[in-house]
Amino acid sequence: MYFVYIIECKDKSLYTGITTDIERRFREHKNGMGGSYTRAKKVIKIVYKEKHPNRSSALKCEAEIKSWNRTKKLNLIKLNKQK
């Protein structure tokens, strides 16, 4: 099982990634081990997560979300909160 996730950073930017363990990956981002973007931007919270059956599916979804503008990402987050 894989997850696509979006994290809100301190500067209000959004970071999208994939993982098999969201809590572990969030801790890594928070502790500065998640990559240069989140190390520089300082993560605040996970604002979106979506399950995928395999890595390939998660990577495709991640790439699609990363291609979106901020407004479209915020709409996805908002729709997910309403569920």
Protein backbone atom coordinates (compact mmCIF):
# COMPACT_ATOMS: atom_id res chain seq x y z
CA MET A 1 0.00 0.00 0.00
CA TYR A 2 1.29 3.44 -0.96
CA PHE A 3 0.04 6.90 -0.10
CA VAL A 4 0.18 10.21 -1.94
CA TYR A 5 0.32 13.05 0.54
CA ILE A 6 0.39 16.82 0.61
CA ILE A 7 2.11 18.69 3.43
CA GLU A 8 1.60 22.34 4.26
CA CYS A 9 4.84 24.16 5.03
CA LYS A 10 5.43 27.12 7.32
CA ASP A 11 5.45 29.56 4.37
CA LYS A 12 2.04 28.12 3.29
CA SER A 13 3.57 26.30 0.30
CA LEU A 14 2.41 22.75 -0.43
CA TYR A 15 4.70 19.75 -0.84
CA THR A 16 3.48 16.55 -2.53
CA GLY A 17 5.11 13.15 -2.12
CA ILE A 18 4.55 9.39 -1.83
CA THR A 19 5.33 6.91 0.92
CA THR A 20 4.34 3.55 2.40
CA ASP A 21 4.15 5.05 5.92
CA ILE A 22 2.78 8.58 6.23
CA GLU A 23 3.54 9.08 9.93
CA ARG A 24 7.17 7.96 9.52
CA ARG A 25 7.64 10.12 6.44
CA PHE A 26 6.13 13.16 8.15
CA ARG A 27 8.53 12.69 11.09
CA GLU A 28 11.42 12.51 8.61
CA HIS A 29 10.28 15.76 6.97
CA LYS A 30 9.85 17.40 10.39
CA ASN A 31 13.30 16.28 11.51
CA GLY A 32 14.98 17.66 8.38
CA MET A 33 15.54 14.26 6.75
CA GLY A 34 12.77 14.49 4.15
CA GLY A 35 14.53 16.39 1.42
CA SER A 36 15.90 19.86 0.80
CA TYR A 37 12.54 21.51 0.03
CA THR A 38 10.86 20.55 3.29
CA ARG A 39 14.09 21.08 5.23
CA ALA A 40 14.17 24.69 4.01
CA LYS A 41 10.42 25.36 4.24
CA LYS A 42 9.70 23.64 7.60
CA VAL A 43 6.65 21.37 7.53
CA ILE A 44 3.53 22.12 9.56
CA LYS A 45 0.96 19.39 8.91
CA ILE A 46 -0.34 16.77 6.52
CA VAL A 47 -3.32 18.30 4.71
CA TYR A 48 -4.13 15.48 2.27
CA LYS A 49 -3.56 11.76 1.87
CA GLU A 50 -4.79 9.21 -0.62
CA LYS A 51 -4.28 5.42 -0.70
CA HIS A 52 -2.92 3.62 -3.76
CA PRO A 53 -2.55 -0.12 -4.32
CA ASN A 54 1.00 0.10 -5.70
CA ARG A 55 4.00 2.36 -6.26
CA SER A 56 3.24 2.90 -9.94
CA SER A 57 -0.25 4.20 -9.25
CA ALA A 58 1.03 6.48 -6.48
CA LEU A 59 3.81 7.89 -8.67
CA LYS A 60 1.35 8.69 -11.46
CA CYS A 61 -0.98 10.46 -9.04
CA GLU A 62 1.92 12.36 -7.43
CA ALA A 63 3.11 13.58 -10.83
CA GLU A 64 -0.40 14.71 -11.75
CA ILE A 65 -0.89 16.64 -8.50
CA LYS A 66 2.55 18.23 -8.78
CA SER A 67 1.58 19.56 -12.23
CA TRP A 68 -1.46 21.36 -10.80
CA ASN A 69 -1.53 24.99 -9.76
CA ARG A 70 -2.00 25.93 -6.10
CA THR A 71 -5.74 26.64 -6.47
CA LYS A 72 -6.43 23.18 -7.84
CA LYS A 73 -4.42 21.56 -5.02
CA LEU A 74 -6.33 23.59 -2.41
CA ASN A 75 -9.63 22.49 -3.97
CA LEU A 76 -8.53 18.84 -3.71
CA ILE A 77 -7.65 19.37 -0.04
CA LYS A 78 -10.98 21.12 0.61
CA LEU A 79 -13.00 18.35 -1.09
CA ASN A 80 -11.15 15.71 0.91
CA LYS A 81 -11.99 17.46 4.20
CA GLN A 82 -15.69 17.43 3.32
CA LYS A 83 -15.77 13.63 3.00
